[in-house]
Amino acid sequence: MQSVSALDRAGRRRSPATLASFHEGRAPHNKGLRYPPDPPTVEEIISVMRTAGDDADGVRLRALIIVLWRAGLRISEALALAETDLDPVRGAILVRQGKGGKRREVGMDRWAWEQLERWVELRKTLPVGAFFCILHGATRGRRCSPASIRAQLHRTAAAIAGVRRRFAPHQLRHAHAVEMSREGVPLVVIQRQLGHADLGVTSAYLRGIDNTEIIHTVHERPTPMIPATARLTPST
């Protein structure tokens, strides 16, 4: 007799890969790997957005990229958003449960809100639920899984847009932090936007991913000079 746990909510048999027992004794394929911060450029992000497609999946992906990139949310925070957590009039997004269970409100620029409009209109045609929801099947309207979003991002960036670097949700958060720092946004504002515990965390976060000041300073060093008298000294 088939157990209840082997069925989904629609009464259909689940894939064995969705059951906890399937993963017992299996080490994650990325166990022990550490990915260095490597935020994508604006050109790369826009390229991925353009090639995402115009179907519902593509519109949702573009909207998610916008929220990760222009509001700097973590993927877990973005996927936990409800439709009522977005306030385009004030330009604010409410993060009900950030890292450590902390609640905060963040801002997002006007251009980003404009890019979000198409998904907002499409979302109204789907069942009430998570803002970034599943589009097909019996679970329409429910929250997307981080794994499925990461896979869609990677596939779109690598196979379609041809971006030759790792393109993951957290890289977009890195890009948000770096861009605000270069725009001269005060460190305390970046800290509160990202939801960091203190300024020290934000300072270390930026120091690890933005070396622009170092590179610019060293690159602009003057040409090596020698005293004029050195040219007048006869050779021996």
C-alpha atoms as a PDB file:
ATOM      1  CA  MET A   1       0.000   0.000   0.000  1.00  0.00           C
ATOM      2  CA  GLN A   2       1.390   3.410  -0.975  1.00  0.00           C
ATOM      3  CA  SER A   3       2.208   5.691   1.953  1.00  0.00           C
ATOM      4  CA  VAL A   4       0.677   9.177   2.180  1.00  0.00           C
ATOM      5  CA  SER A   5       4.136  10.751   2.353  1.00  0.00           C
ATOM      6  CA  ALA A   6       4.872   9.490  -1.150  1.00  0.00           C
ATOM      7  CA  LEU A   7       2.023  11.577  -2.614  1.00  0.00           C
ATOM      8  CA  ASP A   8       1.902  15.303  -3.286  1.00  0.00           C
ATOM      9  CA  ARG A   9      -1.081  17.505  -2.416  1.00  0.00           C
ATOM     10  CA  ALA A  10      -2.722  16.702  -5.728  1.00  0.00           C
ATOM     11  CA  GLY A  11      -2.588  12.983  -4.928  1.00  0.00           C
ATOM     12  CA  ARG A  12       0.097  12.258  -7.484  1.00  0.00           C
ATOM     13  CA  ARG A  13       3.117  10.078  -6.804  1.00  0.00           C
ATOM     14  CA  ARG A  14       6.186  12.124  -5.946  1.00  0.00           C
ATOM     15  CA  SER A  15       9.531  11.693  -7.606  1.00  0.00           C
ATOM     16  CA  PRO A  16      11.896   9.738  -5.311  1.00  0.00           C
ATOM     17  CA  ALA A  17      14.297  12.707  -5.503  1.00  0.00           C
ATOM     18  CA  THR A  18      11.801  14.847  -3.536  1.00  0.00           C
ATOM     19  CA  LEU A  19      11.778  12.463  -0.563  1.00  0.00           C
ATOM     20  CA  ALA A  20      14.151  12.968   2.357  1.00  0.00           C
ATOM     21  CA  SER A  21      15.203   9.311   2.271  1.00  0.00           C
ATOM     22  CA  PHE A  22      16.553   9.736  -1.269  1.00  0.00           C
ATOM     23  CA  HIS A  23      19.313  12.048   0.009  1.00  0.00           C
ATOM     24  CA  GLU A  24      20.349   9.984   3.029  1.00  0.00           C
ATOM     25  CA  GLY A  25      24.060   9.255   2.969  1.00  0.00           C
ATOM     26  CA  ARG A  26      24.604  11.450  -0.085  1.00  0.00           C
ATOM     27  CA  ALA A  27      27.016  14.351   0.296  1.00  0.00           C
ATOM     28  CA  PRO A  28      25.945  17.574  -1.508  1.00  0.00           C
ATOM     29  CA  HIS A  29      27.755  17.948  -4.821  1.00  0.00           C
ATOM     30  CA  ASN A  30      29.117  21.337  -3.703  1.00  0.00           C
ATOM     31  CA  LYS A  31      30.137  20.273  -0.194  1.00  0.00           C
ATOM     32  CA  GLY A  32      33.339  22.013   0.899  1.00  0.00           C
ATOM     33  CA  LEU A  33      33.382  24.378  -2.068  1.00  0.00           C
ATOM     34  CA  ARG A  34      33.725  28.098  -1.395  1.00  0.00           C
ATOM     35  CA  TYR A  35      32.866  30.581  -4.120  1.00  0.00           C
ATOM     36  CA  PRO A  36      34.777  33.895  -4.041  1.00  0.00           C
ATOM     37  CA  PRO A  37      32.743  37.102  -4.395  1.00  0.00           C
ATOM     38  CA  ASP A  38      32.621  37.933  -8.095  1.00  0.00           C
ATOM     39  CA  PRO A  39      29.711  40.299  -8.800  1.00  0.00           C
ATOM     40  CA  PRO A  40      28.520  40.491 -12.415  1.00  0.00           C
ATOM     41  CA  THR A  41      28.757  43.743 -14.336  1.00  0.00           C
ATOM     42  CA  VAL A  42      25.731  45.843 -15.255  1.00  0.00           C
ATOM     43  CA  GLU A  43      26.165  44.745 -18.879  1.00  0.00           C
ATOM     44  CA  GLU A  44      26.084  41.065 -17.885  1.00  0.00           C
ATOM     45  CA  ILE A  45      23.000  41.486 -15.711  1.00  0.00           C
ATOM     46  CA  ILE A  46      21.102  43.347 -18.433  1.00  0.00           C
ATOM     47  CA  SER A  47      22.168  40.694 -20.957  1.00  0.00           C
ATOM     48  CA  VAL A  48      20.656  37.940 -18.806  1.00  0.00           C
ATOM     49  CA  MET A  49      17.452  39.953 -18.351  1.00  0.00           C
ATOM     50  CA  ARG A  50      17.129  40.487 -22.105  1.00  0.00           C
ATOM     51  CA  THR A  51      17.556  36.802 -22.912  1.00  0.00           C
ATOM     52  CA  ALA A  52      15.255  35.501 -20.160  1.00  0.00           C
ATOM     53  CA  GLY A  53      12.339  35.304 -22.600  1.00  0.00           C
ATOM     54  CA  ASP A  54       8.898  36.896 -22.753  1.00  0.00           C
ATOM     55  CA  ASP A  55       6.883  33.980 -21.413  1.00  0.00           C
ATOM     56  CA  ALA A  56       5.704  33.909 -17.797  1.00  0.00           C
ATOM     57  CA  ASP A  57       8.870  32.179 -16.578  1.00  0.00           C
ATOM     58  CA  GLY A  58      11.043  34.814 -18.228  1.00  0.00           C
ATOM     59  CA  VAL A  59       9.000  37.715 -16.863  1.00  0.00           C
ATOM     60  CA  ARG A  60       9.225  36.249 -13.354  1.00  0.00           C
ATOM     61  CA  LEU A  61      12.981  35.720 -13.673  1.00  0.00           C
ATOM     62  CA  ARG A  62      13.538  39.321 -14.781  1.00  0.00           C
ATOM     63  CA  ALA A  63      11.493  40.574 -11.849  1.00  0.00           C
ATOM     64  CA  LEU A  64      13.442  38.423  -9.412  1.00  0.00           C
ATOM     65  CA  ILE A  65      16.766  39.648 -10.818  1.00  0.00           C
ATOM     66  CA  ILE A  66      15.559  43.221 -10.287  1.00  0.00           C
ATOM     67  CA  VAL A  67      14.706  42.623  -6.625  1.00  0.00           C
ATOM     68  CA  LEU A  68      17.982  40.798  -5.914  1.00  0.00           C
ATOM     69  CA  TRP A  69      20.084  43.365  -7.779  1.00  0.00           C
ATOM     70  CA  ARG A  70      18.389  46.704  -7.093  1.00  0.00           C
ATOM     71  CA  ALA A  71      17.164  46.001  -3.542  1.00  0.00           C
ATOM     72  CA  GLY A  72      20.024  43.710  -2.488  1.00  0.00           C
ATOM     73  CA  LEU A  73      17.831  41.022  -0.947  1.00  0.00           C
ATOM     74  CA  ARG A  74      18.996  37.531  -0.113  1.00  0.00           C
ATOM     75  CA  ILE A  75      17.337  34.836  -2.213  1.00  0.00           C
ATOM     76  CA  SER A  76      15.469  33.519   0.850  1.00  0.00           C
ATOM     77  CA  GLU A  77      14.156  37.029   1.588  1.00  0.00           C
ATOM     78  CA  ALA A  78      13.022  37.594  -1.993  1.00  0.00           C
ATOM     79  CA  LEU A  79      11.197  34.283  -2.258  1.00  0.00           C
ATOM     80  CA  ALA A  80       9.455  34.889   1.084  1.00  0.00           C
ATOM     81  CA  LEU A  81       7.896  38.161  -0.110  1.00  0.00           C
ATOM     82  CA  ALA A  82       4.122  38.433  -0.234  1.00  0.00           C
ATOM     83  CA  GLU A  83       2.328  40.679  -2.713  1.00  0.00           C
ATOM     84  CA  THR A  84       1.460  43.093   0.107  1.00  0.00           C
ATOM     85  CA  ASP A  85       5.133  43.495   1.118  1.00  0.00           C
ATOM     86  CA  LEU A  86       5.834  45.784  -1.836  1.00  0.00           C
ATOM     87  CA  ASP A  87       4.989  49.494  -1.648  1.00  0.00           C
ATOM     88  CA  PRO A  88       5.813  51.139  -5.003  1.00  0.00           C
ATOM     89  CA  VAL A  89       4.422  54.514  -3.894  1.00  0.00           C
ATOM     90  CA  ARG A  90       7.034  54.801  -1.131  1.00  0.00           C
ATOM     91  CA  GLY A  91       9.575  52.718  -3.044  1.00  0.00           C
ATOM     92  CA  ALA A  92       9.831  50.299  -0.125  1.00  0.00           C
ATOM     93  CA  ILE A  93       9.981  46.522   0.311  1.00  0.00           C
ATOM     94  CA  LEU A  94       9.189  44.917   3.655  1.00  0.00           C
ATOM     95  CA  VAL A  95      11.422  41.997   4.615  1.00  0.00           C
ATOM     96  CA  ARG A  96       9.409  40.260   7.310  1.00  0.00           C
ATOM     97  CA  GLN A  97      12.034  37.721   8.319  1.00  0.00           C
ATOM     98  CA  GLY A  98      15.615  38.425   7.323  1.00  0.00           C
ATOM     99  CA  LYS A  99      18.731  36.665   8.550  1.00  0.00           C
ATOM    100  CA  GLY A 100      18.401  35.863  12.235  1.00  0.00           C
ATOM    101  CA  GLY A 101      14.645  36.450  12.053  1.00  0.00           C
ATOM    102  CA  LYS A 102      15.105  40.224  11.861  1.00  0.00           C
ATOM    103  CA  ARG A 103      12.493  42.412  10.224  1.00  0.00           C
ATOM    104  CA  ARG A 104      13.529  45.415   8.118  1.00  0.00           C
ATOM    105  CA  GLU A 105      12.375  47.692   5.337  1.00  0.00           C
ATOM    106  CA  VAL A 106      14.568  48.399   2.305  1.00  0.00           C
ATOM    107  CA  GLY A 107      14.377  50.786  -0.613  1.00  0.00           C
ATOM    108  CA  MET A 108      14.412  50.215  -4.362  1.00  0.00           C
ATOM    109  CA  ASP A 109      14.979  52.801  -7.095  1.00  0.00           C
ATOM    110  CA  ARG A 110      12.352  54.115  -9.509  1.00  0.00           C
ATOM    111  CA  TRP A 111      13.861  52.417 -12.562  1.00  0.00           C
ATOM    112  CA  ALA A 112      13.627  49.052 -10.806  1.00  0.00           C
ATOM    113  CA  TRP A 113       9.961  49.581  -9.918  1.00  0.00           C
ATOM    114  CA  GLU A 114       9.231  50.308 -13.589  1.00  0.00           C
ATOM    115  CA  GLN A 115      10.891  47.040 -14.625  1.00  0.00           C
ATOM    116  CA  LEU A 116       8.790  45.189 -12.048  1.00  0.00           C
ATOM    117  CA  GLU A 117       5.423  46.369 -13.415  1.00  0.00           C
ATOM    118  CA  ARG A 118       4.984  43.627 -16.001  1.00  0.00           C
ATOM    119  CA  TRP A 119       5.409  40.870 -13.410  1.00  0.00           C
ATOM    120  CA  VAL A 120       3.092  42.687 -10.974  1.00  0.00           C
ATOM    121  CA  GLU A 121       0.336  42.672 -13.599  1.00  0.00           C
ATOM    122  CA  LEU A 122       0.958  39.018 -14.482  1.00  0.00           C
ATOM    123  CA  ARG A 123       1.001  38.043 -10.794  1.00  0.00           C
ATOM    124  CA  LYS A 124      -2.557  39.357 -10.391  1.00  0.00           C
ATOM    125  CA  THR A 125      -3.808  36.589 -12.701  1.00  0.00           C
ATOM    126  CA  LEU A 126      -2.413  33.842 -10.446  1.00  0.00           C
ATOM    127  CA  PRO A 127      -3.697  32.478  -7.104  1.00  0.00           C
ATOM    128  CA  VAL A 128      -2.976  34.554  -4.003  1.00  0.00           C
ATOM    129  CA  GLY A 129       0.308  33.652  -2.348  1.00  0.00           C
ATOM    130  CA  ALA A 130       4.008  34.374  -2.551  1.00  0.00           C
ATOM    131  CA  PHE A 131       5.027  37.271  -4.798  1.00  0.00           C
ATOM    132  CA  PHE A 132       7.507  35.073  -6.682  1.00  0.00           C
ATOM    133  CA  CYS A 133       5.354  32.006  -7.106  1.00  0.00           C
ATOM    134  CA  ILE A 134       5.167  28.733  -8.981  1.00  0.00           C
ATOM    135  CA  LEU A 135       3.503  29.275 -12.344  1.00  0.00           C
ATOM    136  CA  HIS A 136       2.308  25.833 -13.390  1.00  0.00           C
ATOM    137  CA  GLY A 137       0.545  22.795 -11.982  1.00  0.00           C
ATOM    138  CA  ALA A 138      -1.418  22.173  -8.819  1.00  0.00           C
ATOM    139  CA  THR A 139       0.954  24.308  -6.723  1.00  0.00           C
ATOM    140  CA  ARG A 140       0.463  27.526  -8.746  1.00  0.00           C
ATOM    141  CA  GLY A 141       0.698  30.543  -6.487  1.00  0.00           C
ATOM    142  CA  ARG A 142       2.975  28.913  -3.928  1.00  0.00           C
ATOM    143  CA  ARG A 143       6.519  29.979  -3.162  1.00  0.00           C
ATOM    144  CA  CYS A 144       9.279  29.024  -5.606  1.00  0.00           C
ATOM    145  CA  SER A 145      12.173  26.938  -4.335  1.00  0.00           C
ATOM    146  CA  PRO A 146      15.656  28.510  -4.207  1.00  0.00           C
ATOM    147  CA  ALA A 147      17.071  25.495  -6.077  1.00  0.00           C
ATOM    148  CA  SER A 148      14.773  25.965  -9.069  1.00  0.00           C
ATOM    149  CA  ILE A 149      15.558  29.678  -9.267  1.00  0.00           C
ATOM    150  CA  ARG A 150      19.306  29.088  -9.062  1.00  0.00           C
ATOM    151  CA  ALA A 151      19.055  26.525 -11.854  1.00  0.00           C
ATOM    152  CA  GLN A 152      17.027  28.894 -14.055  1.00  0.00           C
ATOM    153  CA  LEU A 153      19.476  31.749 -13.445  1.00  0.00           C
ATOM    154  CA  HIS A 154      22.483  29.565 -14.227  1.00  0.00           C
ATOM    155  CA  ARG A 155      20.889  28.142 -17.364  1.00  0.00           C
ATOM    156  CA  THR A 156      19.835  31.545 -18.686  1.00  0.00           C
ATOM    157  CA  ALA A 157      23.176  33.192 -17.942  1.00  0.00           C
ATOM    158  CA  ALA A 158      25.476  30.454 -19.211  1.00  0.00           C
ATOM    159  CA  ALA A 159      23.593  28.776 -22.027  1.00  0.00           C
ATOM    160  CA  ILE A 160      21.593  31.686 -23.427  1.00  0.00           C
ATOM    161  CA  ALA A 161      23.269  34.982 -22.471  1.00  0.00           C
ATOM    162  CA  GLY A 162      26.787  33.538 -22.645  1.00  0.00           C
ATOM    163  CA  VAL A 163      27.947  35.056 -19.359  1.00  0.00           C
ATOM    164  CA  ARG A 164      31.313  33.474 -18.606  1.00  0.00           C
ATOM    165  CA  ARG A 165      31.221  33.696 -14.833  1.00  0.00           C
ATOM    166  CA  ARG A 166      29.172  32.203 -12.019  1.00  0.00           C
ATOM    167  CA  PHE A 167      25.760  33.892 -12.024  1.00  0.00           C
ATOM    168  CA  ALA A 168      24.047  33.158  -8.715  1.00  0.00           C
ATOM    169  CA  PRO A 169      21.452  35.077  -6.650  1.00  0.00           C
ATOM    170  CA  HIS A 170      23.986  36.197  -4.032  1.00  0.00           C
ATOM    171  CA  GLN A 171      26.251  37.608  -6.754  1.00  0.00           C
ATOM    172  CA  LEU A 172      23.470  40.084  -7.541  1.00  0.00           C
ATOM    173  CA  ARG A 173      23.413  41.135  -3.879  1.00  0.00           C
ATOM    174  CA  HIS A 174      27.176  41.673  -4.127  1.00  0.00           C
ATOM    175  CA  ALA A 175      26.631  43.830  -7.216  1.00  0.00           C
ATOM    176  CA  HIS A 176      24.074  45.931  -5.330  1.00  0.00           C
ATOM    177  CA  ALA A 177      26.488  46.584  -2.457  1.00  0.00           C
ATOM    178  CA  VAL A 178      29.415  47.441  -4.725  1.00  0.00           C
ATOM    179  CA  GLU A 179      27.377  49.821  -6.881  1.00  0.00           C
ATOM    180  CA  MET A 180      26.022  51.718  -3.864  1.00  0.00           C
ATOM    181  CA  SER A 181      29.534  52.028  -2.434  1.00  0.00           C
ATOM    182  CA  ARG A 182      30.853  53.444  -5.728  1.00  0.00           C
ATOM    183  CA  GLU A 183      27.929  55.885  -5.852  1.00  0.00           C
ATOM    184  CA  GLY A 184      29.012  57.303  -2.509  1.00  0.00           C
ATOM    185  CA  VAL A 185      26.104  55.969  -0.444  1.00  0.00           C
ATOM    186  CA  PRO A 186      27.019  56.198   3.284  1.00  0.00           C
ATOM    187  CA  LEU A 187      28.204  52.938   4.823  1.00  0.00           C
ATOM    188  CA  VAL A 188      25.487  53.023   7.488  1.00  0.00           C
ATOM    189  CA  VAL A 189      22.799  53.157   4.776  1.00  0.00           C
ATOM    190  CA  ILE A 190      24.346  50.183   2.962  1.00  0.00           C
ATOM    191  CA  GLN A 191      24.489  48.305   6.274  1.00  0.00           C
ATOM    192  CA  ARG A 192      20.782  48.815   6.970  1.00  0.00           C
ATOM    193  CA  GLN A 193      19.819  48.047   3.361  1.00  0.00           C
ATOM    194  CA  LEU A 194      21.680  44.729   3.437  1.00  0.00           C
ATOM    195  CA  GLY A 195      20.471  43.828   6.930  1.00  0.00           C
ATOM    196  CA  HIS A 196      23.952  43.430   8.433  1.00  0.00           C
ATOM    197  CA  ALA A 197      24.317  43.307  12.204  1.00  0.00           C
ATOM    198  CA  ASP A 198      26.873  46.134  12.385  1.00  0.00           C
ATOM    199  CA  LEU A 199      29.083  48.397  10.298  1.00  0.00           C
ATOM    200  CA  GLY A 200      32.065  46.094  10.731  1.00  0.00           C
ATOM    201  CA  VAL A 201      30.279  43.334   8.823  1.00  0.00           C
ATOM    202  CA  THR A 202      29.380  45.700   5.979  1.00  0.00           C
ATOM    203  CA  SER A 203      32.900  47.130   5.840  1.00  0.00           C
ATOM    204  CA  ALA A 204      34.423  43.642   5.608  1.00  0.00           C
ATOM    205  CA  TYR A 205      31.756  42.630   3.075  1.00  0.00           C
ATOM    206  CA  LEU A 206      32.679  45.483   0.742  1.00  0.00           C
ATOM    207  CA  ARG A 207      36.407  45.113   1.332  1.00  0.00           C
ATOM    208  CA  GLY A 208      36.183  41.551   0.102  1.00  0.00           C
ATOM    209  CA  ILE A 209      34.402  42.337  -3.174  1.00  0.00           C
ATOM    210  CA  ASP A 210      35.327  45.889  -4.235  1.00  0.00           C
ATOM    211  CA  ASN A 211      38.958  46.687  -4.975  1.00  0.00           C
ATOM    212  CA  THR A 212      38.207  49.655  -7.254  1.00  0.00           C
ATOM    213  CA  GLU A 213      39.931  52.224  -5.045  1.00  0.00           C
ATOM    214  CA  ILE A 214      43.111  50.148  -4.783  1.00  0.00           C
ATOM    215  CA  ILE A 215      43.250  49.422  -8.492  1.00  0.00           C
ATOM    216  CA  HIS A 216      42.548  53.030  -9.494  1.00  0.00           C
ATOM    217  CA  THR A 217      45.130  54.450  -7.089  1.00  0.00           C
ATOM    218  CA  VAL A 218      47.886  52.115  -8.249  1.00  0.00           C
ATOM    219  CA  HIS A 219      46.934  52.329 -11.930  1.00  0.00           C
ATOM    220  CA  GLU A 220      47.187  56.139 -11.864  1.00  0.00           C
ATOM    221  CA  ARG A 221      50.685  56.237 -10.387  1.00  0.00           C
ATOM    222  CA  PRO A 222      53.056  58.558 -12.306  1.00  0.00           C
ATOM    223  CA  THR A 223      55.542  57.270 -14.842  1.00  0.00           C
ATOM    224  CA  PRO A 224      58.937  56.367 -13.319  1.00  0.00           C
ATOM    225  CA  MET A 225      61.273  59.382 -13.423  1.00  0.00           C
ATOM    226  CA  ILE A 226      65.045  59.746 -13.275  1.00  0.00           C
ATOM    227  CA  PRO A 227      66.987  62.912 -12.380  1.00  0.00           C
ATOM    228  CA  ALA A 228      67.940  65.040 -15.381  1.00  0.00           C
ATOM    229  CA  THR A 229      71.570  64.971 -14.264  1.00  0.00           C
ATOM    230  CA  ALA A 230      71.662  61.210 -14.688  1.00  0.00           C
ATOM    231  CA  ARG A 231      71.513  61.681 -18.451  1.00  0.00           C
ATOM    232  CA  LEU A 232      74.494  64.099 -18.365  1.00  0.00           C
ATOM    233  CA  THR A 233      76.745  61.775 -16.459  1.00  0.00           C
ATOM    234  CA  PRO A 234      79.323  60.301 -18.870  1.00  0.00           C
ATOM    235  CA  SER A 235      79.440  56.551 -19.016  1.00  0.00           C
ATOM    236  CA  THR A 236      82.603  54.852 -17.738  1.00  0.00           C
END
